[in-house]
Protein backbone atom coordinates (compact mmCIF):
# COMPACT_ATOMS: atom_id res chain seq x y z
CA MET A 1 110.10 114.00 124.41
CA ASN A 2 111.93 115.58 121.48
CA LEU A 3 113.93 118.75 121.14
CA LEU A 4 113.43 120.94 118.09
CA SER A 5 116.59 123.08 118.83
CA PRO A 6 118.88 120.84 120.88
CA TYR A 7 121.92 123.14 120.31
CA TRP A 8 120.40 125.50 122.95
CA LEU A 9 121.25 122.94 125.56
CA LEU A 10 124.78 124.46 125.51
CA ALA A 11 123.23 127.37 127.36
CA ALA A 12 123.01 125.11 130.39
CA SER A 13 126.77 125.78 130.89
CA ALA A 14 125.64 129.09 132.39
CA ILE A 15 125.37 127.25 135.74
CA LEU A 16 129.18 127.81 136.06
CA VAL A 17 128.43 131.54 136.72
CA PRO A 18 126.45 131.15 139.98
CA ILE A 19 128.84 128.44 141.15
CA ALA A 20 131.81 130.74 140.62
CA ILE A 21 130.03 133.66 142.30
CA HIS A 22 128.99 131.43 145.13
CA LEU A 23 132.49 130.29 145.78
CA TRP A 24 134.10 133.71 145.34
CA ASN A 25 131.71 135.77 147.39
CA ARG A 26 131.70 133.93 150.66
CA ARG A 27 130.21 136.38 153.12
CA GLN A 28 132.78 137.42 155.76
CA GLY A 29 131.86 138.79 159.24
CA LYS A 30 133.01 142.33 160.11
CA THR A 31 136.17 142.41 162.26
CA VAL A 32 136.28 144.98 165.11
CA LYS A 33 139.69 145.47 166.65
CA VAL A 34 139.76 146.24 170.39
CA GLY A 35 142.54 147.06 172.79
CA SER A 36 146.12 146.30 171.83
CA LEU A 37 144.98 144.00 168.96
CA ARG A 38 144.55 147.01 166.74
CA TRP A 39 148.37 147.44 166.73
CA LEU A 40 149.03 143.94 165.39
CA GLU A 41 149.87 143.33 161.65
CA PRO A 42 147.10 141.37 159.88
CA SER A 43 148.22 137.89 158.79
CA ALA A 44 148.02 136.58 155.22
CA SER A 45 144.52 135.61 154.13
CA LYS A 46 143.69 131.92 154.16
CA ARG A 47 140.68 132.47 151.96
CA TRP A 48 141.70 130.00 149.23
CA SER A 49 142.74 127.29 151.61
CA SER A 50 139.56 127.31 153.50
CA ILE A 51 136.86 127.48 150.77
CA LYS A 52 133.82 125.61 151.93
CA LEU A 53 130.40 125.46 150.22
CA SER A 54 127.61 127.01 152.13
CA ASP A 55 123.93 127.33 151.19
CA VAL A 56 124.23 124.29 148.88
CA TRP A 57 120.53 124.01 148.27
CA LEU A 58 120.28 127.65 147.27
CA LEU A 59 123.08 127.06 144.77
CA VAL A 60 121.33 123.99 143.39
CA LEU A 61 118.14 126.03 143.04
CA ARG A 62 119.82 128.73 141.03
CA CYS A 63 121.51 126.24 138.73
CA PHE A 64 118.25 124.33 138.19
CA ILE A 65 116.57 127.64 137.12
CA LEU A 66 119.29 128.16 134.48
CA ILE A 67 118.96 124.56 133.27
CA LEU A 68 115.17 124.98 132.87
CA LEU A 69 115.65 128.12 130.81
CA ALA A 70 118.19 126.45 128.57
CA LEU A 71 115.85 123.48 128.18
CA ALA A 72 113.01 125.85 127.20
CA LEU A 73 115.20 127.50 124.52
CA ALA A 74 115.82 123.95 123.04
CA LYS A 75 112.01 123.86 122.25
CA PRO A 76 111.02 120.52 123.77
CA ILE A 77 107.84 118.88 122.51
CA TRP A 78 105.90 115.83 123.74
CA GLU A 79 104.33 113.54 121.07
CA GLY A 80 101.08 112.01 122.14
CA THR A 81 100.35 108.44 121.14
CA GLN A 82 97.43 107.87 118.68
CA GLU A 83 94.52 105.82 119.88
CA THR A 84 94.31 102.60 117.95
CA GLN A 85 90.90 101.68 116.74
CA GLN A 86 89.49 98.28 117.43
CA ALA A 87 90.03 95.88 114.51
CA ARG A 88 86.92 95.31 112.33
CA LYS A 89 86.44 91.89 110.87
CA ALA A 90 84.00 91.23 108.02
CA VAL A 91 83.09 88.64 105.41
CA PHE A 92 81.57 89.75 102.08
CA ILE A 93 79.84 87.37 99.57
CA SER A 94 78.72 88.37 96.07
CA PRO A 95 75.02 87.91 95.17
CA GLU A 96 75.54 85.37 92.36
CA LEU A 97 77.66 83.23 94.72
CA LEU A 98 74.96 83.30 97.39
CA TYR A 99 72.53 81.79 94.91
CA SER A 100 74.64 79.08 93.45
CA THR A 101 75.66 75.51 94.45
CA ALA A 102 79.27 76.71 94.73
CA LEU A 103 78.20 78.08 98.14
CA ARG A 104 78.92 74.58 99.55
CA ASP A 105 82.63 75.04 98.85
CA ILE A 106 83.04 78.12 101.04
CA LYS A 107 80.42 77.39 103.77
CA PRO A 108 82.96 75.70 106.14
CA THR A 109 85.34 78.67 105.85
CA VAL A 110 82.59 81.26 106.28
CA ASP A 111 81.15 79.51 109.31
CA ALA A 112 84.59 79.31 110.92
CA LEU A 113 85.13 83.04 110.36
CA LEU A 114 81.72 83.83 111.85
CA GLN A 115 82.64 81.94 115.02
CA ARG A 116 85.73 84.06 115.25
CA GLY A 117 83.67 87.25 115.39
CA TYR A 118 83.42 88.23 111.78
CA THR A 119 80.20 89.86 110.46
CA LEU A 120 78.54 88.73 107.20
CA HIS A 121 77.56 91.14 104.40
CA HIS A 122 76.40 91.29 100.83
CA TYR A 123 79.07 92.44 98.33
CA THR A 124 76.82 95.00 96.82
CA GLN A 125 76.78 98.82 96.71
CA ASN A 126 75.39 99.25 100.22
CA PHE A 127 77.18 96.24 101.80
CA GLU A 128 73.95 95.16 103.64
CA THR A 129 74.24 92.71 106.50
CA ILE A 130 73.20 89.15 105.88
CA PRO A 131 71.11 87.95 108.82
CA THR A 132 72.24 84.63 110.42
CA GLU A 133 68.81 83.02 109.65
CA LYS A 134 69.12 83.89 105.95
CA TRP A 135 72.72 82.63 105.76
CA GLN A 136 71.74 79.28 107.34
CA ALA A 137 68.83 78.93 104.97
CA LEU A 138 70.93 79.70 101.86
CA SER A 139 73.94 77.65 102.77
CA SER A 140 72.01 74.62 103.89
CA ASN A 141 70.28 74.20 100.52
CA PRO A 142 72.06 76.21 97.79
CA THR A 143 70.57 76.37 94.31
CA ASP A 144 71.74 77.83 90.99
CA SER A 145 69.97 81.05 89.97
CA VAL A 146 70.71 83.85 87.55
CA VAL A 147 71.41 86.94 89.59
CA SER A 148 72.46 90.30 88.17
CA SER A 149 75.30 92.03 89.94
CA GLY A 150 77.44 95.16 89.58
CA ASN A 151 81.11 95.71 88.75
CA TYR A 152 83.15 94.06 91.47
CA TRP A 153 86.31 96.03 90.65
CA GLY A 154 84.33 99.20 91.03
CA LEU A 155 83.14 98.22 94.55
CA LEU A 156 86.65 97.77 95.88
CA SER A 157 87.20 101.44 96.46
CA ALA A 158 84.12 101.82 98.66
CA LEU A 159 85.08 98.65 100.56
CA ALA A 160 88.64 99.95 101.16
CA GLN A 161 87.31 103.27 102.55
CA GLN A 162 85.23 101.44 105.22
CA TYR A 163 88.10 99.18 106.23
CA ASP A 164 91.16 101.42 105.92
CA GLN A 165 93.00 100.39 109.10
CA ALA A 166 95.86 97.95 108.91
CA GLN A 167 94.36 95.87 111.76
CA ASP A 168 91.07 95.42 109.85
CA SER A 169 90.48 92.04 108.27
CA VAL A 170 88.20 91.43 105.35
CA TRP A 171 87.42 88.23 103.47
CA LEU A 172 85.82 88.66 100.07
CA PHE A 173 84.18 85.75 98.21
CA THR A 174 83.06 86.28 94.64
CA SER A 175 82.65 84.16 91.50
CA ASP A 176 85.20 84.40 88.73
CA GLN A 177 82.63 85.02 85.99
CA GLN A 178 83.80 87.63 83.48
CA ARG A 179 80.51 89.51 83.34
CA HIS A 180 81.13 90.83 86.86
CA PHE A 181 84.43 92.60 85.98
CA THR A 182 84.49 95.55 83.64
CA GLY A 183 86.93 98.42 83.13
CA ALA A 184 90.35 98.62 84.77
CA PRO A 185 91.08 96.72 88.00
CA THR A 186 91.03 98.77 91.17
CA PRO A 187 94.09 98.21 93.48
CA LEU A 188 93.38 95.72 96.31
CA GLN A 189 94.30 96.63 99.95
CA GLU A 190 96.52 94.08 101.70
CA ASN A 191 94.03 93.69 104.52
CA ILE A 192 91.38 92.50 102.07
CA ARG A 193 91.66 88.78 101.15
CA TRP A 194 89.91 88.15 97.92
CA ILE A 195 88.90 84.50 97.20
CA PRO A 196 87.54 83.90 93.67
CA VAL A 197 85.31 80.86 93.58
CA ALA A 198 84.78 78.74 90.41
CA VAL A 199 81.11 78.70 89.55
CA ALA A 200 80.47 75.77 87.25
CA GLN A 201 77.21 76.90 85.68
CA THR A 202 75.89 76.47 82.14
CA GLN A 203 73.39 79.15 81.16
CA ASN A 204 70.94 78.66 78.27
CA TRP A 205 68.71 81.40 76.79
CA LEU A 206 66.80 82.33 73.75
CA GLN A 207 68.55 85.21 71.99
CA ALA A 208 66.42 85.81 68.92
CA ALA A 209 63.58 84.32 66.83
CA TYR A 210 62.90 84.82 63.07
CA THR A 211 59.91 83.86 60.92
CA LEU A 212 61.14 81.77 57.99
CA SER A 213 57.69 80.83 56.70
CA PRO A 214 54.16 80.99 58.05
CA ASP A 215 54.65 77.55 59.78
CA SER A 216 58.38 77.67 60.58
CA LEU A 217 60.54 79.62 63.06
CA LEU A 218 64.29 80.02 63.35
CA LEU A 219 65.48 80.20 66.96
CA ILE A 220 68.97 81.49 67.95
CA SER A 221 69.90 80.24 71.39
CA GLY A 222 72.89 81.04 73.51
CA GLN A 223 74.78 78.70 75.81
CA SER A 224 77.52 79.99 78.11
CA SER A 225 79.86 78.08 80.44
CA ARG A 226 83.25 78.64 82.04
CA GLU A 227 84.98 77.72 78.75
CA GLY A 228 83.12 80.17 76.51
CA THR A 229 79.87 81.28 74.97
CA LYS A 230 78.37 79.85 71.78
CA PHE A 231 75.18 80.39 69.75
CA ASN A 232 73.12 77.72 68.03
CA ALA A 233 70.42 77.88 65.41
CA VAL A 234 67.46 75.52 65.35
CA LYS A 235 64.34 75.41 63.21
CA VAL A 236 61.01 74.57 64.84
CA ALA A 237 57.42 74.44 63.77
CA ALA A 238 55.43 77.57 64.60
CA ILE A 239 52.90 75.37 66.54
CA ALA A 240 55.57 73.55 68.56
CA ARG A 241 55.10 73.68 72.30
CA GLU A 242 58.39 72.03 73.17
CA ALA A 243 61.80 71.72 71.54
CA ASN A 244 65.25 70.32 72.29
CA ILE A 245 67.70 73.21 72.34
CA ASN A 246 71.37 72.86 73.42
CA GLY A 247 70.62 69.33 74.62
CA SER A 248 67.89 70.38 77.01
CA PRO A 249 64.09 70.38 76.66
CA VAL A 250 62.53 73.91 76.35
CA LYS A 251 58.88 74.89 76.74
CA LEU A 252 57.68 77.20 74.02
CA SER A 253 54.64 79.43 73.95
CA LEU A 254 53.76 81.48 70.78
CA GLU A 255 51.60 84.57 71.17
CA GLU A 256 51.11 86.68 68.02
CA ASP A 257 54.49 88.41 67.46
CA SER A 258 56.31 87.16 70.55
CA LEU A 259 57.67 83.75 71.75
CA THR A 260 58.19 82.63 75.34
CA ALA A 261 60.86 80.03 76.19
CA GLN A 262 61.49 78.33 79.46
CA TRP A 263 64.27 75.91 80.38
CA ASP A 264 63.96 73.55 83.36
CA ASN A 265 64.14 75.43 86.72
CA GLY A 266 64.52 78.66 84.75
CA ALA A 267 62.41 81.80 84.51
CA PRO A 268 60.36 82.19 81.29
CA LYS A 269 61.80 84.71 78.83
CA THR A 270 59.72 86.44 76.13
CA ILE A 271 61.27 87.92 72.95
CA ALA A 272 59.82 89.54 69.89
CA ILE A 273 59.67 87.54 66.63
CA ARG A 274 61.39 89.29 63.71
CA LYS A 275 59.59 88.88 60.41
CA GLU A 276 61.94 90.93 58.25
CA PRO A 277 65.61 90.37 57.33
CA LEU A 278 68.30 92.08 59.34
CA ARG A 279 69.46 95.03 57.22
CA ILE A 280 72.98 96.18 57.73
CA GLY A 281 74.34 99.37 56.22
CA ILE A 282 78.14 99.93 55.95
CA ALA A 283 79.35 103.43 54.98
CA HIS A 284 83.09 104.08 54.60
CA ASP A 285 85.56 106.63 53.46
CA LYS A 286 88.59 106.01 51.32
CA ALA A 287 90.94 105.59 54.24
CA GLN A 288 88.92 102.73 55.67
CA GLN A 289 87.87 100.96 52.48
CA ALA A 290 90.09 98.00 53.30
CA GLU A 291 88.20 97.48 56.59
CA VAL A 292 84.96 96.73 54.79
CA ARG A 293 85.94 93.32 53.49
CA TYR A 294 86.80 92.04 57.00
CA LEU A 295 83.45 93.18 58.29
CA GLN A 296 81.53 91.81 55.30
CA ALA A 297 83.20 88.39 55.75
CA ALA A 298 82.23 88.24 59.40
CA VAL A 299 78.59 89.21 58.65
CA GLN A 300 78.39 86.60 55.86
CA ALA A 301 79.73 83.91 58.23
CA ILE A 302 77.12 84.80 60.78
CA GLY A 303 74.28 84.53 58.24
CA LYS A 304 75.64 81.21 56.85
CA TYR A 305 76.04 79.65 60.25
CA THR A 306 72.80 80.75 61.88
CA GLY A 307 70.57 80.97 58.87
CA ILE A 308 69.42 84.40 59.82
CA PRO A 309 68.28 86.42 56.74
CA ILE A 310 70.74 89.30 56.49
CA GLU A 311 70.86 92.06 53.88
CA THR A 312 74.11 94.06 53.65
CA HIS A 313 74.46 97.37 51.80
CA VAL A 314 77.92 98.93 51.35
CA THR A 315 78.04 102.56 50.30
CA ALA A 316 80.49 105.54 50.41
CA ALA A 317 80.32 107.82 53.39
CA THR A 318 78.86 110.50 51.21
CA GLN A 319 75.81 108.31 50.32
CA PRO A 320 74.79 106.32 53.41
CA ASP A 321 71.74 103.98 53.38
CA THR A 322 69.11 105.13 55.88
CA SER A 323 66.89 102.02 55.75
CA ALA A 324 69.10 99.67 57.81
CA ASN A 325 68.60 98.31 61.34
CA TRP A 326 72.32 98.37 61.91
CA PHE A 327 74.73 101.15 60.82
CA PHE A 328 78.51 100.77 60.53
CA TRP A 329 80.16 104.18 60.12
CA LEU A 330 83.75 103.69 59.06
CA SER A 331 84.81 107.32 58.70
CA GLY A 332 86.39 110.18 60.55
CA GLU A 333 83.61 112.55 59.43
CA GLU A 334 80.49 113.34 61.49
CA VAL A 335 77.70 110.74 61.51
CA PRO A 336 74.82 111.82 59.26
CA THR A 337 71.90 113.36 61.16
CA ASN A 338 69.40 110.97 59.64
CA TRP A 339 71.30 108.02 60.99
CA LEU A 340 71.31 109.50 64.49
CA ASP A 341 67.55 110.05 64.13
CA GLN A 342 67.10 106.36 63.20
CA VAL A 343 69.00 105.36 66.34
CA GLN A 344 67.12 107.76 68.67
CA GLU A 345 63.61 107.36 67.35
CA ASN A 346 63.50 103.84 65.82
CA GLY A 347 65.85 101.91 68.09
CA ALA A 348 68.50 101.28 65.45
CA THR A 349 72.15 100.52 66.37
CA LEU A 350 75.21 102.51 65.30
CA TRP A 351 78.82 101.34 65.14
CA VAL A 352 81.36 104.21 64.93
CA GLN A 353 84.92 103.45 63.85
CA ALA A 354 86.74 106.72 63.37
CA ALA A 355 90.24 105.18 63.24
CA SER A 356 91.87 108.55 64.01
CA GLU A 357 94.76 109.59 66.26
CA PRO A 358 96.24 106.07 66.62
CA ARG A 359 98.82 105.14 69.21
CA ALA A 360 100.88 101.96 69.37
CA THR A 361 99.97 99.24 71.93
CA THR A 362 100.69 95.57 72.66
CA ALA A 363 97.33 94.75 74.21
CA GLN A 364 95.40 91.53 73.88
CA LEU A 365 91.63 90.96 73.93
CA ALA A 366 90.49 89.52 77.29
CA GLY A 367 87.88 86.79 77.83
CA ALA A 368 87.49 83.07 78.43
CA GLY A 369 87.53 81.02 75.31
CA ILE A 370 89.12 83.83 73.24
CA GLU A 371 92.33 83.13 71.48
CA LYS A 372 95.26 85.58 71.71
CA ILE A 373 93.91 88.43 69.55
CA SER A 374 96.44 91.19 69.63
CA PHE A 375 95.85 94.96 69.09
CA HIS A 376 98.61 97.04 67.56
CA GLN A 377 96.91 100.40 67.66
CA LEU A 378 94.16 102.10 69.56
CA THR A 379 92.57 105.49 69.24
CA ASP A 380 92.53 107.97 72.00
CA SER A 381 89.59 109.98 70.68
CA GLY A 382 86.80 110.32 73.24
CA ILE A 383 83.37 108.64 73.01
CA ALA A 384 81.62 111.95 73.05
CA ASN A 385 83.50 113.45 70.15
CA GLY A 386 81.79 115.80 67.73
CA ASN A 387 79.52 113.06 66.45
CA PHE A 388 77.46 112.64 69.69
CA THR A 389 76.74 116.00 71.12
CA GLY A 390 74.75 115.85 74.31
CA ILE A 391 75.96 112.41 75.49
CA ALA A 392 78.14 112.24 78.53
CA PRO A 393 81.10 109.95 78.34
CA GLY A 394 80.24 108.52 81.80
CA GLU A 395 77.20 106.81 80.28
CA ALA A 396 79.40 104.43 78.25
CA GLY A 397 79.85 100.85 79.21
CA THR A 398 82.69 98.44 78.25
CA VAL A 399 81.83 95.59 75.88
CA TRP A 400 85.34 94.41 74.81
CA GLN A 401 88.46 95.13 76.84
CA THR A 402 92.12 94.12 76.90
CA THR A 403 93.80 91.87 79.45
CA ALA A 404 94.97 95.09 81.17
CA GLY A 405 91.35 96.38 81.48
CA GLU A 406 91.60 99.02 78.80
CA PRO A 407 88.35 99.39 76.82
CA VAL A 408 88.38 98.46 73.19
CA LEU A 409 84.67 98.53 72.33
CA LEU A 410 82.25 100.76 74.34
CA VAL A 411 78.48 101.20 74.14
CA GLN A 412 76.25 104.10 75.25
CA PRO A 413 72.50 104.64 74.90
CA LEU A 414 71.05 107.12 72.45
CA GLY A 415 67.30 107.46 72.59
CA LEU A 416 65.64 104.04 71.88
CA GLY A 417 68.88 102.74 70.33
CA LYS A 418 72.54 102.49 71.22
CA VAL A 419 75.91 103.52 69.87
CA TYR A 420 79.09 101.37 69.82
CA HIS A 421 82.44 103.01 69.67
CA PHE A 422 85.32 100.91 68.40
CA ARG A 423 88.77 102.19 69.29
CA SER A 424 90.77 100.08 66.82
CA GLY A 425 90.34 98.43 63.38
CA PHE A 426 90.06 95.04 61.64
CA GLY A 427 93.06 95.37 59.34
CA PRO A 428 96.54 93.93 60.19
CA ALA A 429 97.89 97.41 60.92
CA TRP A 430 95.31 97.81 63.69
CA SER A 431 94.82 94.36 65.12
CA GLN A 432 94.52 90.55 64.46
CA LEU A 433 90.78 90.83 64.86
CA GLY A 434 89.96 90.78 61.15
CA GLN A 435 92.04 87.66 60.53
CA SER A 436 90.60 85.79 63.56
CA ALA A 437 87.89 83.17 63.12
CA GLN A 438 86.35 84.40 66.33
CA LEU A 439 85.26 87.76 64.90
CA PRO A 440 81.81 86.42 63.86
CA GLU A 441 81.35 85.01 67.40
CA LEU A 442 82.14 88.35 68.89
CA LEU A 443 79.86 90.28 66.56
CA LEU A 444 76.89 87.83 66.74
CA PRO A 445 75.49 88.91 70.17
CA LEU A 446 75.75 92.51 69.08
CA LEU A 447 73.87 92.11 65.82
CA LEU A 448 70.98 90.19 67.29
CA PRO A 449 68.03 92.33 68.45
CA GLN A 450 67.88 91.05 72.08
CA GLN A 451 70.94 91.75 74.17
CA ASP A 452 70.74 89.22 76.98
CA ALA A 453 74.07 87.61 76.39
CA SER A 454 75.80 89.76 79.02
CA GLN A 455 73.29 88.76 81.67
CA TYR A 456 73.78 85.01 81.10
CA ASP A 457 77.53 85.21 80.40
CA ALA A 458 79.14 82.48 82.53
CA ARG A 459 82.66 82.64 81.14
CA ALA A 460 85.51 82.55 83.67
CA LEU A 461 88.10 85.27 83.97
CA ASP A 462 91.62 84.08 84.52
CA GLU A 463 92.78 84.64 88.08
CA THR A 464 95.86 86.57 86.94
CA GLN A 465 93.57 89.08 85.23
CA LEU A 466 90.95 89.07 88.00
CA MET A 467 93.23 89.86 90.93
CA PRO A 468 94.34 93.53 90.93
CA ALA A 469 97.66 94.73 92.35
CA SER A 470 97.94 94.92 96.15
CA VAL A 471 98.41 98.25 98.01
CA LEU A 472 98.80 99.19 101.69
CA PRO A 473 95.70 100.18 103.66
CA VAL A 474 94.78 103.87 103.47
CA SER A 475 95.84 104.44 107.13
CA GLU A 476 99.43 103.24 106.37
CA GLN A 477 99.63 105.13 103.04
CA LYS A 478 99.18 108.47 104.85
CA GLU A 479 102.16 109.85 106.74
CA SER A 480 101.71 109.27 110.42
CA VAL A 481 101.02 112.66 112.13
CA LYS A 482 100.99 112.50 115.98
CA GLN A 483 99.59 115.15 118.29
CA GLN A 484 102.42 117.36 119.49
CA TYR A 485 102.48 119.38 122.73
CA SER A 486 105.03 122.20 123.46
CA LEU A 487 106.55 122.00 126.89
CA ILE A 488 108.05 125.52 126.78
CA PRO A 489 105.26 127.26 128.75
CA TRP A 490 105.50 124.68 131.53
CA LEU A 491 109.24 124.98 131.70
CA VAL A 492 109.11 128.77 131.82
CA LEU A 493 106.42 128.67 134.51
CA LEU A 494 108.40 126.27 136.65
CA ALA A 495 111.59 128.43 136.19
CA PHE A 496 109.61 131.48 137.30
CA LEU A 497 108.26 129.80 140.39
CA LEU A 498 111.70 128.62 141.35
CA PHE A 499 113.06 132.06 140.79
CA VAL A 500 110.43 133.55 143.14
CA ALA A 501 111.32 130.95 145.76
CA GLU A 502 114.97 131.77 145.34
CA ARG A 503 114.31 135.43 145.90
CA LEU A 504 112.26 134.77 149.01
CA ILE A 505 114.93 132.61 150.50
CA THR A 506 117.64 135.09 149.73
CA SER A 507 115.74 138.03 151.19
CA LYS A 508 114.88 136.07 154.38
CA ARG A 509 118.62 135.17 154.85
CA LYS A 510 119.62 138.85 154.43
CA THR A 511 117.02 139.86 157.04
CA THR A 512 118.39 137.25 159.41
């Protein structure tokens, strides 16, 4: 019990009044003098020498009434205790981990947790339960498969809302592959234990195919592992039914303008064969003229390394080339309407580099196998600036990001094509990207017509970048508010009942 106005307890000293009255007003019997006694002088009163308490319980009753009233004035309240919910215990496993041989590493731990009463769930948007039979089947004979998953940082908020009590216990098992982590990290509740598991997979895929001659094809293949992603070029005969790519045999099947490739134990993948050179248009204004040479050098390196026929046309922003498959717009002006039409209707790709409103930063590009590429300036201009009316910023996805999770290169769909928005530059004033030998490697998967690199990306993210900062559970972050009950009505009621009893006793004694 707490008192909101404890100073009113001083009013309890009022009990001295009934005590004093009780002692002073002892009821005396009426003296009737008879006979010769009426002529005698009265002796001195011995009132003070013979004070004795009488009707003690009546005095106590009156004092108790005053004490109750003083206590009521002090505003006493009773704080009810909150009911604690039963602790919930759950284990979550990401889809790509369920379908990989790395499942053997966590199976003993997961089985031990299940025996302790934990429930098993998919780490997906709906957190579906994994039946015991399915878990036993997957964990007894795990195999490596390519499984698409969402953004694991983005799922943390929904998981934290379901398990927001401090007594809840959650174990989260995911791979550490970079493709599953985009954007800024979401804070991790302290009652969620996140275990990143190393998935040692090597993914191979066919990225693009070009016709070099009627009887010869150029195949661009990708290979991704924990250390990084690389692309290789190999020439094969058009009639070839099998080839050795990235050190592994691949089955090939040519059908008119498409080619199907299948690695061992992998699903077949069909891509279109390009018969024309890749045409790239670069338009710039005077402020970004210096940026062109870095971009040209990277494109030339890609063509020389892969053998892909590439045609590059550099023009001023006032005279852009509209026949390209790829458009680099290095200007703060609005993108020409005919370029936007090419993107929307013909599936072309647009790169926008406004380089306006710079702000200083000390960020570095994130990613396994990427050297320390620093960014000195980034732009704060939004994706949906005046150039892309009708496109919501929420539709943009992150392609390149810093180690702090801040996006550097974003992509958003536009009709049949897509638009890339670059928030920095290639020159030394903007970043070290233009001077890095890795720029061609970063641009290569973007320039090629098929964009499967993100699906097969097996690069590992450093654990210091993967693990977000810890926070308290939601229930502990909120200020504890207990149910409060006022005791004033009960005290007043009790005092009233005692007062009625006191009056009844007093009136009865007077009658007697």
